[in-house]
Amino acid sequence: MKYLLLLIVLALVFYMLGRKRQPPPAQPPASSAPPPVSRGQTMVACAHCGLHLPEQESLPGRGGAFCSTEHRAAYEAAHARP
């Protein structure tokens, strides 16, 4: 019985020593710089209806930016100078 217990203890010791010799799992290197942040588009509101749209897609007019030619014409007709 003593020898069986001694054998189990020795097997456990050798098992633990064998686990410590294995290299730890590889981890990806931690980068010091955060990932680049992409900048969003500048949004503008249509001066006639208030719809928000990207500045590149808006139509410029006398009253600001517009979402369509119809809204630009309607705004300019409503706000025409006498």
C-alpha atoms as a PDB file:
ATOM      1  CA  MET A   1       0.000   0.000   0.000  1.00  0.00           C
ATOM      2  CA  LYS A   2       2.895   2.348   0.820  1.00  0.00           C
ATOM      3  CA  TYR A   3       4.509   1.662  -2.506  1.00  0.00           C
ATOM      4  CA  LEU A   4       1.299   2.396  -4.396  1.00  0.00           C
ATOM      5  CA  LEU A   5       0.946   5.759  -2.641  1.00  0.00           C
ATOM      6  CA  LEU A   6       4.618   6.553  -3.323  1.00  0.00           C
ATOM      7  CA  LEU A   7       4.166   5.622  -6.979  1.00  0.00           C
ATOM      8  CA  ILE A   8       1.128   7.913  -7.288  1.00  0.00           C
ATOM      9  CA  VAL A   9       2.990  10.818  -5.665  1.00  0.00           C
ATOM     10  CA  LEU A  10       6.007  10.346  -7.963  1.00  0.00           C
ATOM     11  CA  ALA A  11       3.769  10.151 -11.022  1.00  0.00           C
ATOM     12  CA  LEU A  12       2.081  13.385  -9.966  1.00  0.00           C
ATOM     13  CA  VAL A  13       5.448  15.116  -9.454  1.00  0.00           C
ATOM     14  CA  PHE A  14       6.717  14.045 -12.876  1.00  0.00           C
ATOM     15  CA  TYR A  15       3.441  15.106 -14.469  1.00  0.00           C
ATOM     16  CA  MET A  16       3.683  18.594 -12.932  1.00  0.00           C
ATOM     17  CA  LEU A  17       7.350  18.957 -13.962  1.00  0.00           C
ATOM     18  CA  GLY A  18       6.478  17.955 -17.513  1.00  0.00           C
ATOM     19  CA  ARG A  19       3.745  20.588 -17.726  1.00  0.00           C
ATOM     20  CA  LYS A  20       6.064  23.374 -16.564  1.00  0.00           C
ATOM     21  CA  ARG A  21       8.601  22.614 -19.303  1.00  0.00           C
ATOM     22  CA  GLN A  22       6.093  23.138 -22.110  1.00  0.00           C
ATOM     23  CA  PRO A  23       6.208  26.672 -23.524  1.00  0.00           C
ATOM     24  CA  PRO A  24       3.143  28.811 -22.887  1.00  0.00           C
ATOM     25  CA  PRO A  25       0.737  29.283 -25.792  1.00  0.00           C
ATOM     26  CA  ALA A  26       1.887  32.002 -28.168  1.00  0.00           C
ATOM     27  CA  GLN A  27       0.122  35.322 -27.773  1.00  0.00           C
ATOM     28  CA  PRO A  28       0.061  37.972 -30.465  1.00  0.00           C
ATOM     29  CA  PRO A  29       2.363  40.893 -29.688  1.00  0.00           C
ATOM     30  CA  ALA A  30       0.551  43.789 -28.082  1.00  0.00           C
ATOM     31  CA  SER A  31       0.906  46.895 -30.192  1.00  0.00           C
ATOM     32  CA  SER A  32       1.607  50.085 -28.317  1.00  0.00           C
ATOM     33  CA  ALA A  33      -0.345  52.284 -30.734  1.00  0.00           C
ATOM     34  CA  PRO A  34      -4.153  52.067 -30.870  1.00  0.00           C
ATOM     35  CA  PRO A  35      -5.719  51.210 -34.230  1.00  0.00           C
ATOM     36  CA  PRO A  36      -6.337  54.220 -36.461  1.00  0.00           C
ATOM     37  CA  VAL A  37      -9.718  55.846 -36.106  1.00  0.00           C
ATOM     38  CA  SER A  38     -11.580  56.446 -39.334  1.00  0.00           C
ATOM     39  CA  ARG A  39     -13.131  59.862 -39.581  1.00  0.00           C
ATOM     40  CA  GLY A  40     -16.774  60.072 -40.526  1.00  0.00           C
ATOM     41  CA  GLN A  41     -18.256  62.294 -43.171  1.00  0.00           C
ATOM     42  CA  THR A  42     -19.372  65.825 -42.462  1.00  0.00           C
ATOM     43  CA  MET A  43     -23.167  65.933 -42.404  1.00  0.00           C
ATOM     44  CA  VAL A  44     -25.270  68.954 -43.351  1.00  0.00           C
ATOM     45  CA  ALA A  45     -28.999  69.590 -43.061  1.00  0.00           C
ATOM     46  CA  CYS A  46     -31.142  70.540 -46.042  1.00  0.00           C
ATOM     47  CA  ALA A  47     -32.202  74.174 -45.593  1.00  0.00           C
ATOM     48  CA  HIS A  48     -35.711  73.345 -46.904  1.00  0.00           C
ATOM     49  CA  CYS A  49     -36.709  70.053 -45.230  1.00  0.00           C
ATOM     50  CA  GLY A  50     -34.002  69.478 -42.600  1.00  0.00           C
ATOM     51  CA  LEU A  51     -32.862  66.122 -43.994  1.00  0.00           C
ATOM     52  CA  HIS A  52     -29.285  65.299 -42.972  1.00  0.00           C
ATOM     53  CA  LEU A  53     -27.013  64.134 -45.755  1.00  0.00           C
ATOM     54  CA  PRO A  54     -23.257  63.964 -46.428  1.00  0.00           C
ATOM     55  CA  GLU A  55     -21.753  67.285 -47.482  1.00  0.00           C
ATOM     56  CA  GLN A  56     -20.357  65.718 -50.685  1.00  0.00           C
ATOM     57  CA  GLU A  57     -23.890  64.770 -51.803  1.00  0.00           C
ATOM     58  CA  SER A  58     -25.530  68.097 -50.984  1.00  0.00           C
ATOM     59  CA  LEU A  59     -26.326  70.821 -53.513  1.00  0.00           C
ATOM     60  CA  PRO A  60     -25.147  74.317 -52.627  1.00  0.00           C
ATOM     61  CA  GLY A  61     -27.567  77.199 -52.957  1.00  0.00           C
ATOM     62  CA  ARG A  62     -28.161  80.763 -51.785  1.00  0.00           C
ATOM     63  CA  GLY A  63     -29.768  79.593 -48.546  1.00  0.00           C
ATOM     64  CA  GLY A  64     -27.333  76.811 -47.659  1.00  0.00           C
ATOM     65  CA  ALA A  65     -27.137  73.156 -48.606  1.00  0.00           C
ATOM     66  CA  PHE A  66     -30.036  71.242 -50.167  1.00  0.00           C
ATOM     67  CA  CYS A  67     -30.901  67.587 -50.717  1.00  0.00           C
ATOM     68  CA  SER A  68     -32.371  68.046 -54.215  1.00  0.00           C
ATOM     69  CA  THR A  69     -32.786  70.603 -56.975  1.00  0.00           C
ATOM     70  CA  GLU A  70     -36.519  70.799 -56.229  1.00  0.00           C
ATOM     71  CA  HIS A  71     -35.888  71.779 -52.611  1.00  0.00           C
ATOM     72  CA  ARG A  72     -33.276  74.322 -53.667  1.00  0.00           C
ATOM     73  CA  ALA A  73     -35.711  75.886 -56.167  1.00  0.00           C
ATOM     74  CA  ALA A  74     -38.589  75.861 -53.646  1.00  0.00           C
ATOM     75  CA  TYR A  75     -36.454  77.498 -50.939  1.00  0.00           C
ATOM     76  CA  GLU A  76     -35.088  80.135 -53.290  1.00  0.00           C
ATOM     77  CA  ALA A  77     -38.586  80.911 -54.621  1.00  0.00           C
ATOM     78  CA  ALA A  78     -39.960  81.254 -51.073  1.00  0.00           C
ATOM     79  CA  HIS A  79     -37.061  83.435 -49.974  1.00  0.00           C
ATOM     80  CA  ALA A  80     -36.662  85.502 -53.146  1.00  0.00           C
ATOM     81  CA  ARG A  81     -35.416  89.030 -52.720  1.00  0.00           C
ATOM     82  CA  PRO A  82     -37.830  91.676 -54.025  1.00  0.00           C
END
